[in-house]
Amino acid sequence: MPNDYSPNSASRKKAMALNAVDANVLLMSTLSIVWPNLTAKQLHQVQKVLDAAVVNPVVDTQAADLDRKTVQYRVGDLAIVNEKTQHRADKVRAGHIWVHESDRHIRLDYTKLLGTDALKPLTDNPDEAAYLAKIKNTLDEEGVWLRITQPFVRDPNDASKVKTDPRAFEVWLSIGYGGEAIPADLGLIDRSALLNTPRFTAGYYDEVANGKVQRELESQIYRLGLDIDDGLKEHDRLIRRKDDALPGVAEISDWAGDADLPDRSIWNEPRRLASKADDMNRDGNVMASSIYAFLSSIVIRDAVNALKTYADRSSQGAAAVVGILEVAVAVAVIAETCLFLTNPAGVVRGVIGRLTRKESVKMAEDIVIRYNWPNPTSSEELLRVVGRLNSSGGNVGSGLKVRSGLGLNNWL
């Protein structure tokens, strides 16, 4: 039957006499952030576990010795006991401190242990915010628990045996009553502690680092690269057609159609923007990544229009542009997908493909201006790119200006 264990009880005094570990000292030296946030009742529970480790072995040994002395003699199956000795044994046994496994688990108010950045997204990836909210729900439902354990050590007299040291304890935090440890230095549950907890580490990788937004952006940026490659192939075909023509034929044809083949360098800018989108995405800056991908798509379609314009005006090239319009359609889908992922300004499916070039650039500018950028440098750089697009007005390579009537009326 549980004894009267209290701060002034005989058991507590016996524990002090036996040099039991002091709960305050243990917690201050190991979980100094947890210690001041424990209630008096919780601290007493910790002390009870520590006291039991030194008191109970002594009590059990003393009680067992008295039990052996209680039996004075036997007559057959009948044992004649010394009632005084039996009473002494019972009195000693009453000093046993009853500790259950549940006493070694103490649920804490985890909000008092959270670091300021623990549940704060560091990127603008919506998947990260959603996952951190999921972690908070787990903490609310399962709780953060203070755990008290005793490590096993080898018996110096027999290496094959292990035992516990009554004055050696480990205190740590766990997710849930019997869950895994939180690597919280001094008991501070910061972002690092949470994301280095195995269950949250794996979840963060699956749902954020390799989550839907990151994967989709990677896919769309990769498609931008493919579209640039397709545009370059068509550009190279037109260059070869011009180079392979009889002397003077290509020049006369271009002159007659008021056509000028753009320089191949018109593909450098969309490639650079797509590469920047990829870099931003790898750093978790999905908003900036989405806009760079959007801007890349604008410049790709500028280049596509330039080639289409040249081919239409060159008497020998009009019928030879194969698949180039499909590139313009594809990049519109990519741009829409990228912005839809983060939905910064209520972007909905089917909108971007219907925007003119001027409207697309204006949309990009509005998003950059309205978005609350964590890094002002990103905003400034994006605005510079938008400014270049505004100033070019659709001019790409060799001063060629995209004109109407070329089959891409929604892009003029």
Protein backbone atom coordinates (compact mmCIF):
# COMPACT_ATOMS: atom_id res chain seq x y z
CA MET A 1 0.00 0.00 0.00
CA PRO A 2 1.43 3.43 -0.89
CA ASN A 3 3.06 5.21 1.99
CA ASP A 4 2.77 8.84 2.94
CA TYR A 5 5.32 10.36 0.59
CA SER A 6 5.48 14.10 0.97
CA PRO A 7 8.20 16.75 1.27
CA ASN A 8 8.29 16.23 5.05
CA SER A 9 7.62 12.50 5.17
CA ALA A 10 9.93 9.94 6.70
CA SER A 11 10.62 8.50 3.25
CA ARG A 12 11.77 11.89 1.95
CA LYS A 13 14.00 12.37 4.96
CA LYS A 14 15.39 8.87 4.52
CA ALA A 15 16.14 9.62 0.88
CA MET A 16 18.01 12.77 1.85
CA ALA A 17 20.02 10.80 4.38
CA LEU A 18 20.91 8.32 1.64
CA ASN A 19 22.08 11.19 -0.62
CA ALA A 20 19.35 10.79 -3.20
CA VAL A 21 19.71 12.94 -6.30
CA ASP A 22 18.03 16.30 -5.88
CA ALA A 23 15.42 16.94 -8.60
CA ASN A 24 16.24 20.64 -8.78
CA VAL A 25 19.93 19.99 -9.27
CA LEU A 26 19.33 17.29 -11.88
CA LEU A 27 16.93 19.38 -13.93
CA MET A 28 18.89 22.61 -13.66
CA SER A 29 21.99 20.86 -14.98
CA THR A 30 20.27 19.01 -17.83
CA LEU A 31 16.97 20.66 -18.77
CA SER A 32 17.42 24.15 -17.43
CA ILE A 33 14.65 25.52 -19.63
CA VAL A 34 12.17 22.88 -18.47
CA TRP A 35 12.97 23.20 -14.76
CA PRO A 36 11.46 26.67 -14.07
CA ASN A 37 8.32 25.73 -16.00
CA LEU A 38 7.45 22.72 -13.85
CA THR A 39 4.68 23.00 -11.31
CA ALA A 40 5.37 22.12 -7.67
CA LYS A 41 3.39 18.91 -8.16
CA GLN A 42 5.43 17.92 -11.21
CA LEU A 43 8.71 18.64 -9.48
CA HIS A 44 7.57 16.55 -6.50
CA GLN A 45 6.77 13.70 -8.89
CA VAL A 46 10.31 13.82 -10.28
CA GLN A 47 11.76 13.83 -6.76
CA LYS A 48 9.62 10.83 -5.84
CA VAL A 49 11.15 8.78 -8.67
CA LEU A 50 14.67 9.83 -7.65
CA ASP A 51 14.09 9.06 -3.98
CA ALA A 52 12.59 5.65 -4.69
CA ALA A 53 15.77 4.58 -6.46
CA VAL A 54 17.83 4.87 -3.27
CA VAL A 55 15.20 4.20 -0.60
CA ASN A 56 13.47 1.10 -1.96
CA PRO A 57 16.54 -1.16 -2.25
CA VAL A 58 17.46 -0.37 1.36
CA VAL A 59 13.89 -0.85 2.60
CA ASP A 60 13.46 -4.11 0.71
CA THR A 61 16.74 -5.50 2.06
CA GLN A 62 15.90 -4.54 5.66
CA ALA A 63 12.37 -5.94 5.40
CA ALA A 64 13.65 -9.20 3.91
CA ASP A 65 16.16 -9.61 6.77
CA LEU A 66 13.42 -9.10 9.36
CA ASP A 67 11.14 -11.52 7.52
CA ARG A 68 13.76 -14.22 7.89
CA LYS A 69 14.03 -13.50 11.63
CA THR A 70 10.26 -13.46 12.09
CA VAL A 71 9.91 -17.26 11.89
CA GLN A 72 11.09 -18.66 15.26
CA TYR A 73 10.42 -22.37 14.54
CA ARG A 74 8.19 -24.64 12.51
CA VAL A 75 5.96 -27.56 13.39
CA GLY A 76 5.20 -29.36 10.18
CA ASP A 77 3.61 -26.82 7.87
CA LEU A 78 2.87 -24.50 10.78
CA ALA A 79 5.25 -21.52 11.26
CA ILE A 80 5.53 -19.92 14.64
CA VAL A 81 6.40 -16.22 14.17
CA ASN A 82 7.58 -13.48 16.45
CA GLU A 83 4.84 -10.88 16.23
CA LYS A 84 7.11 -8.05 17.36
CA THR A 85 9.62 -8.85 14.63
CA GLN A 86 6.81 -9.20 12.10
CA HIS A 87 5.48 -5.80 13.12
CA ARG A 88 8.94 -4.32 12.72
CA ALA A 89 9.22 -5.81 9.22
CA ASP A 90 5.83 -4.40 8.25
CA LYS A 91 6.78 -1.00 9.60
CA VAL A 92 10.02 -1.01 7.61
CA ARG A 93 8.19 -2.16 4.49
CA ALA A 94 5.77 0.74 4.85
CA GLY A 95 8.68 3.01 4.00
CA HIS A 96 8.75 1.66 0.43
CA ILE A 97 8.09 4.46 -2.07
CA TRP A 98 5.64 3.15 -4.59
CA VAL A 99 6.55 4.28 -8.09
CA HIS A 100 4.70 3.21 -11.20
CA GLU A 101 5.87 3.54 -14.78
CA SER A 102 3.44 6.43 -15.26
CA ASP A 103 5.38 8.40 -12.62
CA ARG A 104 8.31 8.48 -15.03
CA HIS A 105 6.22 10.31 -17.67
CA ILE A 106 5.15 13.91 -17.03
CA ARG A 107 3.16 15.84 -19.60
CA LEU A 108 4.41 19.41 -19.95
CA ASP A 109 3.00 22.66 -21.25
CA TYR A 110 5.09 22.55 -24.42
CA THR A 111 4.18 26.11 -25.43
CA LYS A 112 6.45 27.37 -22.64
CA LEU A 113 9.39 25.46 -24.16
CA LEU A 114 8.96 26.50 -27.80
CA GLY A 115 11.60 28.62 -29.49
CA THR A 116 10.37 31.69 -31.33
CA ASP A 117 11.17 30.08 -34.70
CA ALA A 118 9.96 26.58 -33.88
CA LEU A 119 6.74 26.66 -35.88
CA LYS A 120 7.50 29.66 -38.07
CA PRO A 121 7.98 28.98 -41.81
CA LEU A 122 11.36 30.10 -43.09
CA THR A 123 10.34 29.92 -46.73
CA ASP A 124 7.28 30.99 -48.68
CA ASN A 125 6.55 27.41 -49.67
CA PRO A 126 2.92 26.80 -48.68
CA ASP A 127 3.78 23.16 -48.10
CA GLU A 128 6.12 24.19 -45.27
CA ALA A 129 3.44 26.23 -43.49
CA ALA A 130 1.00 23.32 -43.84
CA TYR A 131 3.53 20.83 -42.46
CA LEU A 132 4.44 23.01 -39.48
CA ALA A 133 0.73 23.31 -38.71
CA LYS A 134 0.58 19.52 -38.80
CA ILE A 135 3.47 19.34 -36.30
CA LYS A 136 1.59 21.72 -33.99
CA ASN A 137 -1.48 19.50 -34.15
CA THR A 138 0.68 16.52 -33.19
CA LEU A 139 2.12 18.42 -30.23
CA ASP A 140 -1.37 19.45 -29.14
CA GLU A 141 -2.78 15.93 -29.41
CA GLU A 142 0.12 13.76 -28.22
CA GLY A 143 1.88 16.28 -26.02
CA VAL A 144 5.48 16.77 -24.99
CA TRP A 145 6.51 14.64 -22.05
CA LEU A 146 9.34 14.77 -19.54
CA ARG A 147 10.81 11.29 -19.28
CA ILE A 148 12.90 9.89 -16.44
CA THR A 149 15.05 6.81 -17.01
CA GLN A 150 18.00 5.09 -15.43
CA PRO A 151 20.80 3.88 -17.69
CA PHE A 152 22.08 0.36 -17.22
CA VAL A 153 25.74 -0.15 -16.30
CA ARG A 154 27.81 -3.31 -16.13
CA ASP A 155 28.40 -4.88 -12.75
CA PRO A 156 32.12 -4.37 -11.98
CA ASN A 157 32.16 -7.75 -10.23
CA ASP A 158 30.48 -9.60 -13.09
CA ALA A 159 30.76 -8.19 -16.62
CA SER A 160 27.92 -10.42 -17.81
CA LYS A 161 25.47 -8.61 -15.56
CA VAL A 162 24.01 -5.14 -15.84
CA LYS A 163 22.37 -3.06 -13.18
CA THR A 164 21.17 0.46 -12.54
CA ASP A 165 22.97 3.06 -10.49
CA PRO A 166 20.48 4.49 -7.96
CA ARG A 167 22.06 7.91 -8.38
CA ALA A 168 22.36 7.96 -12.17
CA PHE A 169 19.40 9.32 -14.12
CA GLU A 170 18.62 10.59 -17.58
CA VAL A 171 15.87 13.13 -18.16
CA TRP A 172 14.68 13.94 -21.65
CA LEU A 173 11.70 15.05 -23.70
CA SER A 174 9.56 12.92 -25.97
CA ILE A 175 6.70 13.31 -28.42
CA GLY A 176 3.79 11.56 -26.72
CA TYR A 177 3.74 9.42 -23.59
CA GLY A 178 6.01 6.72 -24.98
CA GLY A 179 7.21 8.41 -28.14
CA GLU A 180 10.62 9.15 -29.54
CA ALA A 181 13.05 11.62 -28.05
CA ILE A 182 13.17 15.27 -29.04
CA PRO A 183 16.83 16.36 -29.33
CA ALA A 184 16.11 19.54 -27.40
CA ASP A 185 19.26 21.08 -25.96
CA LEU A 186 18.51 22.14 -22.36
CA GLY A 187 14.85 21.51 -23.13
CA LEU A 188 14.43 24.26 -25.72
CA ILE A 189 12.11 23.03 -28.46
CA ASP A 190 13.27 25.10 -31.40
CA ARG A 191 12.99 24.44 -35.13
CA SER A 192 16.15 22.35 -35.16
CA ALA A 193 14.94 20.16 -32.29
CA LEU A 194 11.61 19.49 -33.98
CA LEU A 195 12.93 18.81 -37.46
CA ASN A 196 15.68 16.56 -36.09
CA THR A 197 13.08 14.41 -34.37
CA PRO A 198 13.04 11.39 -36.73
CA ARG A 199 9.30 11.29 -37.39
CA PHE A 200 9.26 14.99 -38.27
CA THR A 201 12.51 14.78 -40.26
CA ALA A 202 11.05 12.17 -42.57
CA GLY A 203 7.76 14.02 -42.87
CA TYR A 204 9.47 17.32 -43.70
CA TYR A 205 11.39 15.70 -46.53
CA ASP A 206 8.32 13.95 -47.95
CA GLU A 207 5.86 16.82 -47.59
CA VAL A 208 8.04 19.92 -47.97
CA ALA A 209 11.53 19.39 -49.40
CA ASN A 210 10.12 16.83 -51.81
CA GLY A 211 6.53 17.99 -51.54
CA LYS A 212 3.91 18.80 -54.14
CA VAL A 213 4.93 22.43 -54.70
CA GLN A 214 8.66 21.68 -55.00
CA ARG A 215 8.09 18.72 -57.30
CA GLU A 216 5.66 20.59 -59.53
CA LEU A 217 7.93 23.62 -59.79
CA GLU A 218 10.87 21.40 -60.66
CA SER A 219 8.78 19.75 -63.36
CA GLN A 220 7.62 23.05 -64.84
CA ILE A 221 11.10 24.59 -64.78
CA TYR A 222 12.40 21.48 -66.53
CA ARG A 223 9.71 21.94 -69.19
CA LEU A 224 10.82 25.54 -69.67
CA GLY A 225 14.28 24.19 -70.46
CA LEU A 226 12.81 21.79 -73.00
CA ASP A 227 10.87 24.60 -74.65
CA ILE A 228 14.00 26.73 -74.87
CA ASP A 229 15.80 23.79 -76.46
CA ASP A 230 12.96 23.38 -78.98
CA GLY A 231 13.11 27.08 -79.79
CA LEU A 232 16.87 26.90 -80.30
CA LYS A 233 16.48 23.93 -82.62
CA GLU A 234 14.01 25.88 -84.75
CA HIS A 235 16.26 28.93 -84.64
CA ASP A 236 19.23 26.85 -85.81
CA ARG A 237 17.10 25.39 -88.63
CA LEU A 238 16.27 28.88 -89.87
CA ILE A 239 19.94 29.89 -89.65
CA ARG A 240 20.94 26.82 -91.67
CA ARG A 241 18.23 27.51 -94.24
CA LYS A 242 19.56 31.02 -94.68
CA ASP A 243 23.21 29.91 -94.80
CA ASP A 244 22.49 27.13 -97.29
CA ALA A 245 20.55 29.32 -99.72
CA LEU A 246 22.18 30.39 -102.97
CA PRO A 247 24.12 33.67 -102.73
CA GLY A 248 21.76 36.61 -102.57
CA VAL A 249 18.56 34.50 -102.48
CA ALA A 250 18.06 34.61 -98.70
CA GLU A 251 18.91 38.30 -98.49
CA ILE A 252 16.47 39.19 -101.26
CA SER A 253 13.78 37.03 -99.69
CA ASP A 254 14.24 38.67 -96.29
CA TRP A 255 14.36 42.12 -97.87
CA ALA A 256 11.16 41.50 -99.79
CA GLY A 257 9.35 40.41 -96.64
CA ASP A 258 10.90 43.07 -94.39
CA ALA A 259 12.28 40.20 -92.30
CA ASP A 260 15.37 40.06 -90.11
CA LEU A 261 16.44 36.82 -88.46
CA PRO A 262 17.07 37.55 -84.72
CA ASP A 263 20.39 36.72 -83.16
CA ARG A 264 20.62 33.35 -81.47
CA SER A 265 21.41 35.13 -78.18
CA ILE A 266 17.70 35.91 -77.69
CA TRP A 267 17.51 32.56 -75.88
CA ASN A 268 20.11 33.52 -73.27
CA GLU A 269 17.72 35.59 -71.15
CA PRO A 270 14.95 32.99 -70.84
CA ARG A 271 17.59 30.38 -70.03
CA ARG A 272 19.04 32.63 -67.32
CA LEU A 273 15.60 33.28 -65.84
CA ALA A 274 14.73 29.58 -65.84
CA SER A 275 18.04 28.82 -64.14
CA LYS A 276 17.29 31.50 -61.55
CA ALA A 277 13.86 29.94 -60.98
CA ASP A 278 15.56 26.61 -60.36
CA ASP A 279 18.01 28.15 -57.88
CA MET A 280 15.21 29.90 -55.99
CA ASN A 281 13.20 26.71 -55.80
CA ARG A 282 16.15 24.78 -54.39
CA ASP A 283 16.46 27.42 -51.67
CA GLY A 284 12.77 27.10 -50.82
CA ASN A 285 11.84 30.51 -52.26
CA VAL A 286 8.96 29.19 -54.27
CA MET A 287 7.28 32.55 -54.82
CA ALA A 288 10.40 34.04 -56.39
CA SER A 289 10.91 30.78 -58.29
CA SER A 290 7.36 30.92 -59.65
CA ILE A 291 7.76 34.49 -60.85
CA TYR A 292 11.15 33.84 -62.45
CA ALA A 293 9.58 30.90 -64.28
CA PHE A 294 6.69 33.14 -65.33
CA LEU A 295 9.09 35.81 -66.60
CA SER A 296 11.10 33.16 -68.43
CA SER A 297 7.93 32.05 -70.18
CA ILE A 298 7.24 35.65 -71.27
CA VAL A 299 10.70 35.97 -72.82
CA ILE A 300 10.40 32.53 -74.42
CA ARG A 301 7.19 33.58 -76.10
CA ASP A 302 8.85 36.82 -77.19
CA ALA A 303 11.54 34.73 -78.87
CA VAL A 304 8.96 32.38 -80.38
CA ASN A 305 7.07 35.35 -81.82
CA ALA A 306 10.31 36.74 -83.24
CA LEU A 307 11.00 33.51 -85.09
CA LYS A 308 7.38 33.25 -86.22
CA THR A 309 7.51 36.82 -87.49
CA TYR A 310 10.73 36.16 -89.41
CA ALA A 311 9.40 32.94 -90.89
CA ASP A 312 6.13 34.57 -91.95
CA ARG A 313 7.90 37.50 -93.63
CA SER A 314 10.63 35.52 -95.27
CA SER A 315 9.15 34.20 -98.52
CA GLN A 316 11.05 30.93 -98.17
CA GLY A 317 10.45 30.39 -94.48
CA ALA A 318 6.73 30.90 -93.96
CA ALA A 319 5.74 27.28 -94.36
CA ALA A 320 8.76 25.84 -92.62
CA VAL A 321 8.12 26.73 -88.95
CA VAL A 322 7.22 23.38 -87.46
CA GLY A 323 5.83 23.15 -83.94
CA ILE A 324 6.97 26.60 -82.88
CA LEU A 325 3.46 27.75 -81.98
CA GLU A 326 3.08 24.74 -79.70
CA VAL A 327 6.03 26.07 -77.71
CA ALA A 328 4.19 29.33 -77.07
CA VAL A 329 1.14 27.42 -75.89
CA ALA A 330 3.25 25.16 -73.64
CA VAL A 331 5.01 28.01 -71.87
CA ALA A 332 1.67 29.67 -71.16
CA VAL A 333 0.57 26.49 -69.37
CA ILE A 334 3.87 26.34 -67.47
CA ALA A 335 3.62 29.94 -66.35
CA GLU A 336 0.06 29.44 -65.17
CA THR A 337 0.97 26.30 -63.26
CA CYS A 338 3.88 27.98 -61.50
CA LEU A 339 1.81 30.92 -60.28
CA PHE A 340 -1.17 28.73 -59.45
CA LEU A 341 1.01 26.74 -57.03
CA THR A 342 1.54 29.73 -54.79
CA ASN A 343 -1.60 31.63 -55.89
CA PRO A 344 -0.21 35.00 -54.78
CA ALA A 345 -2.88 37.13 -56.40
CA GLY A 346 -5.76 34.75 -56.85
CA VAL A 347 -4.38 33.31 -60.09
CA VAL A 348 -6.82 30.79 -61.53
CA ARG A 349 -6.49 28.24 -64.27
CA GLY A 350 -7.08 29.40 -67.80
CA VAL A 351 -6.22 33.07 -67.24
CA ILE A 352 -2.61 33.53 -68.30
CA GLY A 353 -3.07 31.95 -71.72
CA ARG A 354 -5.57 34.69 -72.53
CA LEU A 355 -3.41 37.61 -71.38
CA THR A 356 -1.59 39.88 -73.76
CA ARG A 357 2.13 40.33 -73.34
CA LYS A 358 1.60 43.72 -71.69
CA GLU A 359 -0.96 42.24 -69.29
CA SER A 360 1.37 39.37 -68.40
CA VAL A 361 4.24 41.70 -67.59
CA LYS A 362 1.86 43.88 -65.58
CA MET A 363 0.66 40.83 -63.62
CA ALA A 364 4.25 39.90 -62.79
CA GLU A 365 4.97 43.47 -61.67
CA ASP A 366 1.84 43.61 -59.49
CA ILE A 367 2.71 40.33 -57.79
CA VAL A 368 6.26 41.47 -57.03
CA ILE A 369 5.02 44.78 -55.61
CA ARG A 370 2.22 43.30 -53.51
CA TYR A 371 4.01 40.26 -52.16
CA ASN A 372 5.59 40.64 -48.71
CA TRP A 373 9.08 39.51 -49.63
CA PRO A 374 11.20 38.19 -46.76
CA ASN A 375 14.28 39.19 -48.75
CA PRO A 376 14.07 42.70 -50.31
CA THR A 377 16.93 41.85 -52.66
CA SER A 378 14.73 39.30 -54.42
CA SER A 379 12.01 41.91 -54.97
CA GLU A 380 14.48 44.47 -56.31
CA GLU A 381 16.03 42.02 -58.76
CA LEU A 382 12.65 40.85 -60.02
CA LEU A 383 11.49 44.43 -60.51
CA ARG A 384 14.62 45.09 -62.58
CA VAL A 385 13.76 42.13 -64.81
CA VAL A 386 10.17 43.35 -65.13
CA GLY A 387 11.52 46.81 -65.97
CA ARG A 388 13.60 45.37 -68.82
CA LEU A 389 10.55 43.57 -70.17
CA ASN A 390 8.51 46.76 -69.96
CA SER A 391 11.17 48.74 -71.79
CA SER A 392 11.59 46.11 -74.50
CA GLY A 393 7.87 46.11 -75.25
CA GLY A 394 8.22 42.88 -77.20
CA ASN A 395 11.46 43.76 -78.97
CA VAL A 396 13.77 40.78 -79.14
CA GLY A 397 17.02 40.50 -81.01
CA SER A 398 18.15 42.72 -83.89
CA GLY A 399 15.48 45.31 -83.21
CA LEU A 400 12.66 43.07 -84.48
CA LYS A 401 9.30 44.11 -83.08
CA VAL A 402 6.43 41.66 -82.85
CA ARG A 403 3.45 42.90 -84.84
CA SER A 404 -0.18 41.87 -85.06
CA GLY A 405 -1.69 39.40 -87.46
CA LEU A 406 0.85 36.65 -86.75
CA GLY A 407 -1.44 34.03 -85.25
CA LEU A 408 -0.74 34.88 -81.60
CA ASN A 409 -3.23 37.69 -81.18
CA ASN A 410 -3.68 37.09 -77.44
CA TRP A 411 0.03 37.76 -76.96
CA LEU A 412 0.23 41.14 -78.73
